[in-house]
Amino acid sequence: MVTLMSLAGMPLWLPGGAAGINNVAFPLGFAPLIWAMLFFHACLDRRIARVALAAAALFFVHGAMVAYRFVAAAPAAAPALGEAQ
């Protein structure tokens, strides 16, 4: 889940590039690397709390960026039927 959330958040902070597709291509290429770093960190670190904290921080930071992007891009709600404008 952390890797998928990182993939969703990466296009928000990666530069677009000349062709405008680098912010999509790089996260797809980095997915195995992100997963491998999380996996080896979990295997090699002696303290599981530090592993969980690092993974949770990565998840929540990218999740907050994605949520902010969706909230900021939401159109204004139209008034419901029967409401005065």
PDB file of N, CA and C in Angstrom:
ATOM      1  N   MET A   1       0.819  -1.193   0.000  1.00  0.00           N
ATOM      2  CA  MET A   1       0.000   0.000   0.000  1.00  0.00           C
ATOM      3  C   MET A   1       0.864   1.258   0.000  1.00  0.00           C
ATOM      4  N   VAL A   2       1.989   1.212   0.688  1.00  0.00           N
ATOM      5  CA  VAL A   2       2.857   2.385   0.738  1.00  0.00           C
ATOM      6  C   VAL A   2       3.420   2.674  -0.650  1.00  0.00           C
ATOM      7  N   THR A   3       3.800   1.633  -1.369  1.00  0.00           N
ATOM      8  CA  THR A   3       4.328   1.832  -2.717  1.00  0.00           C
ATOM      9  C   THR A   3       3.267   2.414  -3.633  1.00  0.00           C
ATOM     10  N   LEU A   4       2.045   1.913  -3.543  1.00  0.00           N
ATOM     11  CA  LEU A   4       0.977   2.442  -4.395  1.00  0.00           C
ATOM     12  C   LEU A   4       0.661   3.895  -4.067  1.00  0.00           C
ATOM     13  N   MET A   5       0.670   4.240  -2.783  1.00  0.00           N
ATOM     14  CA  MET A   5       0.418   5.628  -2.413  1.00  0.00           C
ATOM     15  C   MET A   5       1.564   6.518  -2.883  1.00  0.00           C
ATOM     16  N   SER A   6       2.783   6.007  -2.820  1.00  0.00           N
ATOM     17  CA  SER A   6       3.920   6.780  -3.319  1.00  0.00           C
ATOM     18  C   SER A   6       3.812   6.987  -4.827  1.00  0.00           C
ATOM     19  N   LEU A   7       3.353   5.968  -5.533  1.00  0.00           N
ATOM     20  CA  LEU A   7       3.165   6.106  -6.976  1.00  0.00           C
ATOM     21  C   LEU A   7       2.096   7.145  -7.304  1.00  0.00           C
ATOM     22  N   ALA A   8       1.063   7.203  -6.490  1.00  0.00           N
ATOM     23  CA  ALA A   8       0.007   8.184  -6.720  1.00  0.00           C
ATOM     24  C   ALA A   8       0.479   9.602  -6.420  1.00  0.00           C
ATOM     25  N   GLY A   9       1.377   9.758  -5.452  1.00  0.00           N
ATOM     26  CA  GLY A   9       1.829  11.082  -5.067  1.00  0.00           C
ATOM     27  C   GLY A   9       3.020  11.600  -5.851  1.00  0.00           C
ATOM     28  N   MET A  10       3.782  10.722  -6.456  1.00  0.00           N
ATOM     29  CA  MET A  10       4.992  11.147  -7.157  1.00  0.00           C
ATOM     30  C   MET A  10       4.757  12.138  -8.293  1.00  0.00           C
ATOM     31  N   PRO A  11       3.747  11.990  -9.123  1.00  0.00           N
ATOM     32  CA  PRO A  11       3.561  12.980 -10.197  1.00  0.00           C
ATOM     33  C   PRO A  11       3.318  14.397  -9.676  1.00  0.00           C
ATOM     34  N   LEU A  12       2.979  14.537  -8.419  1.00  0.00           N
ATOM     35  CA  LEU A  12       2.730  15.870  -7.872  1.00  0.00           C
ATOM     36  C   LEU A  12       4.021  16.606  -7.541  1.00  0.00           C
ATOM     37  N   TRP A  13       5.113  15.902  -7.307  1.00  0.00           N
ATOM     38  CA  TRP A  13       6.363  16.579  -6.987  1.00  0.00           C
ATOM     39  C   TRP A  13       7.474  16.336  -7.981  1.00  0.00           C
ATOM     40  N   LEU A  14       7.296  15.422  -8.930  1.00  0.00           N
ATOM     41  CA  LEU A  14       8.291  15.224  -9.975  1.00  0.00           C
ATOM     42  C   LEU A  14       8.085  16.244 -11.086  1.00  0.00           C
ATOM     43  N   PRO A  15       9.156  16.735 -11.702  1.00  0.00           N
ATOM     44  CA  PRO A  15       8.992  17.671 -12.818  1.00  0.00           C
ATOM     45  C   PRO A  15       8.391  16.972 -14.030  1.00  0.00           C
ATOM     46  N   GLY A  16       7.662  17.723 -14.834  1.00  0.00           N
ATOM     47  CA  GLY A  16       6.970  17.157 -15.991  1.00  0.00           C
ATOM     48  C   GLY A  16       7.878  16.745 -17.117  1.00  0.00           C
ATOM     49  N   GLY A  17       8.997  17.403 -17.306  1.00  0.00           N
ATOM     50  CA  GLY A  17       9.906  17.071 -18.399  1.00  0.00           C
ATOM     51  C   GLY A  17       9.483  17.742 -19.694  1.00  0.00           C
ATOM     52  N   ALA A  18      10.318  17.616 -20.701  1.00  0.00           N
ATOM     53  CA  ALA A  18      10.077  18.290 -21.982  1.00  0.00           C
ATOM     54  C   ALA A  18       8.848  17.728 -22.697  1.00  0.00           C
ATOM     55  N   ALA A  19       8.677  16.413 -22.642  1.00  0.00           N
ATOM     56  CA  ALA A  19       7.544  15.792 -23.334  1.00  0.00           C
ATOM     57  C   ALA A  19       6.289  15.770 -22.478  1.00  0.00           C
ATOM     58  N   GLY A  20       6.420  16.084 -21.201  1.00  0.00           N
ATOM     59  CA  GLY A  20       5.264  16.103 -20.316  1.00  0.00           C
ATOM     60  C   GLY A  20       4.846  14.741 -19.803  1.00  0.00           C
ATOM     61  N   ILE A  21       5.662  13.711 -20.024  1.00  0.00           N
ATOM     62  CA  ILE A  21       5.277  12.371 -19.573  1.00  0.00           C
ATOM     63  C   ILE A  21       6.206  11.826 -18.497  1.00  0.00           C
ATOM     64  N   ASN A  22       7.266  12.540 -18.183  1.00  0.00           N
ATOM     65  CA  ASN A  22       8.212  12.019 -17.190  1.00  0.00           C
ATOM     66  C   ASN A  22       7.577  11.859 -15.822  1.00  0.00           C
ATOM     67  N   ASN A  23       6.617  12.699 -15.481  1.00  0.00           N
ATOM     68  CA  ASN A  23       5.998  12.575 -14.166  1.00  0.00           C
ATOM     69  C   ASN A  23       5.097  11.350 -14.078  1.00  0.00           C
ATOM     70  N   VAL A  24       4.841  10.667 -15.183  1.00  0.00           N
ATOM     71  CA  VAL A  24       4.092   9.416 -15.170  1.00  0.00           C
ATOM     72  C   VAL A  24       5.037   8.224 -15.339  1.00  0.00           C
ATOM     73  N   ALA A  25       6.051   8.373 -16.180  1.00  0.00           N
ATOM     74  CA  ALA A  25       6.954   7.268 -16.471  1.00  0.00           C
ATOM     75  C   ALA A  25       7.894   6.975 -15.301  1.00  0.00           C
ATOM     76  N   PHE A  26       8.410   7.999 -14.641  1.00  0.00           N
ATOM     77  CA  PHE A  26       9.330   7.774 -13.534  1.00  0.00           C
ATOM     78  C   PHE A  26       8.693   7.005 -12.375  1.00  0.00           C
ATOM     79  N   PRO A  27       7.487   7.357 -11.925  1.00  0.00           N
ATOM     80  CA  PRO A  27       6.906   6.561 -10.829  1.00  0.00           C
ATOM     81  C   PRO A  27       6.716   5.096 -11.186  1.00  0.00           C
ATOM     82  N   LEU A  28       6.360   4.812 -12.425  1.00  0.00           N
ATOM     83  CA  LEU A  28       6.196   3.413 -12.817  1.00  0.00           C
ATOM     84  C   LEU A  28       7.528   2.676 -12.799  1.00  0.00           C
ATOM     85  N   GLY A  29       8.587   3.351 -13.183  1.00  0.00           N
ATOM     86  CA  GLY A  29       9.910   2.740 -13.141  1.00  0.00           C
ATOM     87  C   GLY A  29      10.449   2.613 -11.737  1.00  0.00           C
ATOM     88  N   PHE A  30      10.058   3.551 -10.863  1.00  0.00           N
ATOM     89  CA  PHE A  30      10.544   3.538  -9.490  1.00  0.00           C
ATOM     90  C   PHE A  30       9.753   2.596  -8.583  1.00  0.00           C
ATOM     91  N   ALA A  31       8.641   2.067  -9.018  1.00  0.00           N
ATOM     92  CA  ALA A  31       7.815   1.215  -8.163  1.00  0.00           C
ATOM     93  C   ALA A  31       8.580   0.025  -7.598  1.00  0.00           C
ATOM     94  N   PRO A  32       9.324  -0.719  -8.412  1.00  0.00           N
ATOM     95  CA  PRO A  32      10.084  -1.832  -7.828  1.00  0.00           C
ATOM     96  C   PRO A  32      11.174  -1.354  -6.864  1.00  0.00           C
ATOM     97  N   LEU A  33      11.749  -0.197  -7.135  1.00  0.00           N
ATOM     98  CA  LEU A  33      12.788   0.320  -6.250  1.00  0.00           C
ATOM     99  C   LEU A  33      12.212   0.755  -4.906  1.00  0.00           C
ATOM    100  N   ILE A  34      11.051   1.378  -4.926  1.00  0.00           N
ATOM    101  CA  ILE A  34      10.398   1.785  -3.676  1.00  0.00           C
ATOM    102  C   ILE A  34      10.050   0.551  -2.860  1.00  0.00           C
ATOM    103  N   TRP A  35       9.464  -0.435  -3.520  1.00  0.00           N
ATOM    104  CA  TRP A  35       9.104  -1.665  -2.822  1.00  0.00           C
ATOM    105  C   TRP A  35      10.352  -2.332  -2.246  1.00  0.00           C
ATOM    106  N   ALA A  36      11.431  -2.396  -3.026  1.00  0.00           N
ATOM    107  CA  ALA A  36      12.656  -3.046  -2.559  1.00  0.00           C
ATOM    108  C   ALA A  36      13.258  -2.297  -1.374  1.00  0.00           C
ATOM    109  N   MET A  37      13.246  -0.966  -1.412  1.00  0.00           N
ATOM    110  CA  MET A  37      13.792  -0.203  -0.287  1.00  0.00           C
ATOM    111  C   MET A  37      12.975  -0.448   0.984  1.00  0.00           C
ATOM    112  N   LEU A  38      11.661  -0.462   0.858  1.00  0.00           N
ATOM    113  CA  LEU A  38      10.821  -0.737   2.026  1.00  0.00           C
ATOM    114  C   LEU A  38      11.038  -2.161   2.544  1.00  0.00           C
ATOM    115  N   PHE A  39      11.153  -3.109   1.638  1.00  0.00           N
ATOM    116  CA  PHE A  39      11.356  -4.499   2.021  1.00  0.00           C
ATOM    117  C   PHE A  39      12.691  -4.696   2.734  1.00  0.00           C
ATOM    118  N   PHE A  40      13.769  -4.183   2.142  1.00  0.00           N
ATOM    119  CA  PHE A  40      15.080  -4.373   2.753  1.00  0.00           C
ATOM    120  C   PHE A  40      15.222  -3.576   4.041  1.00  0.00           C
ATOM    121  N   HIS A  41      14.566  -2.435   4.128  1.00  0.00           N
ATOM    122  CA  HIS A  41      14.575  -1.698   5.388  1.00  0.00           C
ATOM    123  C   HIS A  41      13.894  -2.525   6.473  1.00  0.00           C
ATOM    124  N   ALA A  42      12.784  -3.153   6.128  1.00  0.00           N
ATOM    125  CA  ALA A  42      12.085  -3.998   7.102  1.00  0.00           C
ATOM    126  C   ALA A  42      12.918  -5.220   7.498  1.00  0.00           C
ATOM    127  N   CYS A  43      13.681  -5.752   6.553  1.00  0.00           N
ATOM    128  CA  CYS A  43      14.496  -6.933   6.864  1.00  0.00           C
ATOM    129  C   CYS A  43      15.757  -6.595   7.655  1.00  0.00           C
ATOM    130  N   LEU A  44      16.340  -5.440   7.405  1.00  0.00           N
ATOM    131  CA  LEU A  44      17.651  -5.149   7.972  1.00  0.00           C
ATOM    132  C   LEU A  44      17.615  -4.302   9.239  1.00  0.00           C
ATOM    133  N   ASP A  45      16.532  -3.598   9.480  1.00  0.00           N
ATOM    134  CA  ASP A  45      16.474  -2.759  10.673  1.00  0.00           C
ATOM    135  C   ASP A  45      16.080  -3.617  11.875  1.00  0.00           C
ATOM    136  N   ARG A  46      16.704  -3.380  13.002  1.00  0.00           N
ATOM    137  CA  ARG A  46      16.428  -4.174  14.198  1.00  0.00           C
ATOM    138  C   ARG A  46      15.173  -3.718  14.923  1.00  0.00           C
ATOM    139  N   ARG A  47      14.779  -2.481  14.719  1.00  0.00           N
ATOM    140  CA  ARG A  47      13.622  -1.952  15.443  1.00  0.00           C
ATOM    141  C   ARG A  47      12.433  -1.843  14.487  1.00  0.00           C
ATOM    142  N   ILE A  48      11.414  -2.646  14.728  1.00  0.00           N
ATOM    143  CA  ILE A  48      10.236  -2.675  13.858  1.00  0.00           C
ATOM    144  C   ILE A  48       9.454  -1.371  13.950  1.00  0.00           C
ATOM    145  N   ALA A  49       9.546  -0.694  15.088  1.00  0.00           N
ATOM    146  CA  ALA A  49       8.838   0.581  15.230  1.00  0.00           C
ATOM    147  C   ALA A  49       9.401   1.619  14.274  1.00  0.00           C
ATOM    148  N   ARG A  50      10.699   1.620  14.058  1.00  0.00           N
ATOM    149  CA  ARG A  50      11.313   2.563  13.128  1.00  0.00           C
ATOM    150  C   ARG A  50      10.888   2.262  11.695  1.00  0.00           C
ATOM    151  N   VAL A  51      10.772   0.988  11.372  1.00  0.00           N
ATOM    152  CA  VAL A  51      10.306   0.579  10.042  1.00  0.00           C
ATOM    153  C   VAL A  51       8.869   1.045   9.832  1.00  0.00           C
ATOM    154  N   ALA A  52       8.023   0.814  10.828  1.00  0.00           N
ATOM    155  CA  ALA A  52       6.620   1.219  10.725  1.00  0.00           C
ATOM    156  C   ALA A  52       6.489   2.731  10.645  1.00  0.00           C
ATOM    157  N   LEU A  53       7.302   3.452  11.385  1.00  0.00           N
ATOM    158  CA  LEU A  53       7.251   4.913  11.361  1.00  0.00           C
ATOM    159  C   LEU A  53       7.681   5.461  10.005  1.00  0.00           C
ATOM    160  N   ALA A  54       8.726   4.905   9.427  1.00  0.00           N
ATOM    161  CA  ALA A  54       9.184   5.353   8.109  1.00  0.00           C
ATOM    162  C   ALA A  54       8.132   5.069   7.039  1.00  0.00           C
ATOM    163  N   ALA A  55       7.550   3.871   7.064  1.00  0.00           N
ATOM    164  CA  ALA A  55       6.533   3.516   6.081  1.00  0.00           C
ATOM    165  C   ALA A  55       5.272   4.357   6.267  1.00  0.00           C
ATOM    166  N   ALA A  56       4.872   4.589   7.516  1.00  0.00           N
ATOM    167  CA  ALA A  56       3.682   5.397   7.775  1.00  0.00           C
ATOM    168  C   ALA A  56       3.900   6.844   7.358  1.00  0.00           C
ATOM    169  N   ALA A  57       5.091   7.369   7.607  1.00  0.00           N
ATOM    170  CA  ALA A  57       5.377   8.744   7.192  1.00  0.00           C
ATOM    171  C   ALA A  57       5.309   8.878   5.678  1.00  0.00           C
ATOM    172  N   LEU A  58       5.904   7.938   4.967  1.00  0.00           N
ATOM    173  CA  LEU A  58       5.856   7.961   3.508  1.00  0.00           C
ATOM    174  C   LEU A  58       4.418   7.858   3.009  1.00  0.00           C
ATOM    175  N   PHE A  59       3.647   6.980   3.620  1.00  0.00           N
ATOM    176  CA  PHE A  59       2.247   6.790   3.221  1.00  0.00           C
ATOM    177  C   PHE A  59       1.424   8.051   3.467  1.00  0.00           C
ATOM    178  N   PHE A  60       1.542   8.640   4.657  1.00  0.00           N
ATOM    179  CA  PHE A  60       0.700   9.780   4.994  1.00  0.00           C
ATOM    180  C   PHE A  60       1.114  11.054   4.268  1.00  0.00           C
ATOM    181  N   VAL A  61       2.394  11.234   4.022  1.00  0.00           N
ATOM    182  CA  VAL A  61       2.827  12.424   3.275  1.00  0.00           C
ATOM    183  C   VAL A  61       2.314  12.379   1.845  1.00  0.00           C
ATOM    184  N   HIS A  62       2.482  11.238   1.181  1.00  0.00           N
ATOM    185  CA  HIS A  62       1.984  11.126  -0.190  1.00  0.00           C
ATOM    186  C   HIS A  62       0.453  11.114  -0.214  1.00  0.00           C
ATOM    187  N   GLY A  63      -0.172  10.490   0.776  1.00  0.00           N
ATOM    188  CA  GLY A  63      -1.632  10.498   0.842  1.00  0.00           C
ATOM    189  C   GLY A  63      -2.185  11.898   1.032  1.00  0.00           C
ATOM    190  N   ALA A  64      -1.512  12.694   1.848  1.00  0.00           N
ATOM    191  CA  ALA A  64      -1.958  14.075   2.057  1.00  0.00           C
ATOM    192  C   ALA A  64      -1.808  14.895   0.784  1.00  0.00           C
ATOM    193  N   MET A  65      -0.728  14.673   0.045  1.00  0.00           N
ATOM    194  CA  MET A  65      -0.559  15.401  -1.222  1.00  0.00           C
ATOM    195  C   MET A  65      -1.643  15.037  -2.219  1.00  0.00           C
ATOM    196  N   VAL A  66      -1.965  13.754  -2.315  1.00  0.00           N
ATOM    197  CA  VAL A  66      -3.013  13.316  -3.245  1.00  0.00           C
ATOM    198  C   VAL A  66      -4.374  13.863  -2.809  1.00  0.00           C
ATOM    199  N   ALA A  67      -4.669  13.783  -1.514  1.00  0.00           N
ATOM    200  CA  ALA A  67      -5.952  14.285  -1.024  1.00  0.00           C
ATOM    201  C   ALA A  67      -6.074  15.786  -1.245  1.00  0.00           C
ATOM    202  N   TYR A  68      -4.989  16.529  -0.991  1.00  0.00           N
ATOM    203  CA  TYR A  68      -5.021  17.973  -1.204  1.00  0.00           C
ATOM    204  C   TYR A  68      -5.265  18.297  -2.678  1.00  0.00           C
ATOM    205  N   ARG A  69      -4.649  17.522  -3.554  1.00  0.00           N
ATOM    206  CA  ARG A  69      -4.821  17.757  -4.997  1.00  0.00           C
ATOM    207  C   ARG A  69      -6.277  17.543  -5.407  1.00  0.00           C
ATOM    208  N   PHE A  70      -6.918  16.501  -4.869  1.00  0.00           N
ATOM    209  CA  PHE A  70      -8.313  16.251  -5.210  1.00  0.00           C
ATOM    210  C   PHE A  70      -9.238  17.286  -4.597  1.00  0.00           C
ATOM    211  N   VAL A  71      -8.961  17.719  -3.388  1.00  0.00           N
ATOM    212  CA  VAL A  71      -9.806  18.718  -2.728  1.00  0.00           C
ATOM    213  C   VAL A  71      -9.646  20.074  -3.404  1.00  0.00           C
ATOM    214  N   ALA A  72      -8.420  20.437  -3.758  1.00  0.00           N
ATOM    215  CA  ALA A  72      -8.166  21.732  -4.386  1.00  0.00           C
ATOM    216  C   ALA A  72      -8.744  21.792  -5.793  1.00  0.00           C
ATOM    217  N   ALA A  73      -8.839  20.653  -6.464  1.00  0.00           N
ATOM    218  CA  ALA A  73      -9.332  20.627  -7.832  1.00  0.00           C
ATOM    219  C   ALA A  73     -10.847  20.407  -7.914  1.00  0.00           C
ATOM    220  N   ALA A  74     -11.508  20.233  -6.774  1.00  0.00           N
ATOM    221  CA  ALA A  74     -12.946  19.954  -6.791  1.00  0.00           C
ATOM    222  C   ALA A  74     -13.707  21.207  -7.237  1.00  0.00           C
ATOM    223  N   PRO A  75     -14.660  21.049  -8.142  1.00  0.00           N
ATOM    224  CA  PRO A  75     -15.460  22.199  -8.565  1.00  0.00           C
ATOM    225  C   PRO A  75     -16.406  22.641  -7.451  1.00  0.00           C
ATOM    226  N   ALA A  76     -16.817  23.870  -7.525  1.00  0.00           N
ATOM    227  CA  ALA A  76     -17.771  24.392  -6.530  1.00  0.00           C
ATOM    228  C   ALA A  76     -19.083  23.652  -6.678  1.00  0.00           C
ATOM    229  N   ALA A  77     -19.696  23.330  -5.565  1.00  0.00           N
ATOM    230  CA  ALA A  77     -20.965  22.592  -5.580  1.00  0.00           C
ATOM    231  C   ALA A  77     -22.089  23.518  -6.036  1.00  0.00           C
ATOM    232  N   ALA A  78     -22.924  23.006  -6.893  1.00  0.00           N
ATOM    233  CA  ALA A  78     -24.088  23.764  -7.344  1.00  0.00           C
ATOM    234  C   ALA A  78     -25.165  23.707  -6.273  1.00  0.00           C
ATOM    235  N   PRO A  79     -25.971  24.752  -6.140  1.00  0.00           N
ATOM    236  CA  PRO A  79     -27.043  24.702  -5.141  1.00  0.00           C
ATOM    237  C   PRO A  79     -28.056  23.621  -5.486  1.00  0.00           C
ATOM    238  N   ALA A  80     -28.594  23.008  -4.456  1.00  0.00           N
ATOM    239  CA  ALA A  80     -29.582  21.946  -4.644  1.00  0.00           C
ATOM    240  C   ALA A  80     -30.888  22.538  -5.180  1.00  0.00           C
ATOM    241  N   LEU A  81     -31.703  21.685  -5.748  1.00  0.00           N
ATOM    242  CA  LEU A  81     -32.978  22.129  -6.271  1.00  0.00           C
ATOM    243  C   LEU A  81     -33.832  22.693  -5.139  1.00  0.00           C
ATOM    244  N   GLY A  82     -34.454  23.794  -5.361  1.00  0.00           N
ATOM    245  CA  GLY A  82     -35.324  24.393  -4.368  1.00  0.00           C
ATOM    246  C   GLY A  82     -34.630  25.386  -3.446  1.00  0.00           C
ATOM    247  N   GLU A  83     -33.292  25.448  -3.505  1.00  0.00           N
ATOM    248  CA  GLU A  83     -32.572  26.400  -2.679  1.00  0.00           C
ATOM    249  C   GLU A  83     -32.472  27.747  -3.381  1.00  0.00           C
ATOM    250  N   ALA A  84     -32.515  28.796  -2.600  1.00  0.00           N
ATOM    251  CA  ALA A  84     -32.369  30.125  -3.166  1.00  0.00           C
ATOM    252  C   ALA A  84     -30.916  30.377  -3.492  1.00  0.00           C
ATOM    253  N   GLN A  85     -30.701  31.130  -4.557  1.00  0.00           N
ATOM    254  CA  GLN A  85     -29.319  31.406  -4.970  1.00  0.00           C
ATOM    255  C   GLN A  85     -28.831  32.696  -4.413  1.00  0.00           C
TER     256      GLN A  85
END
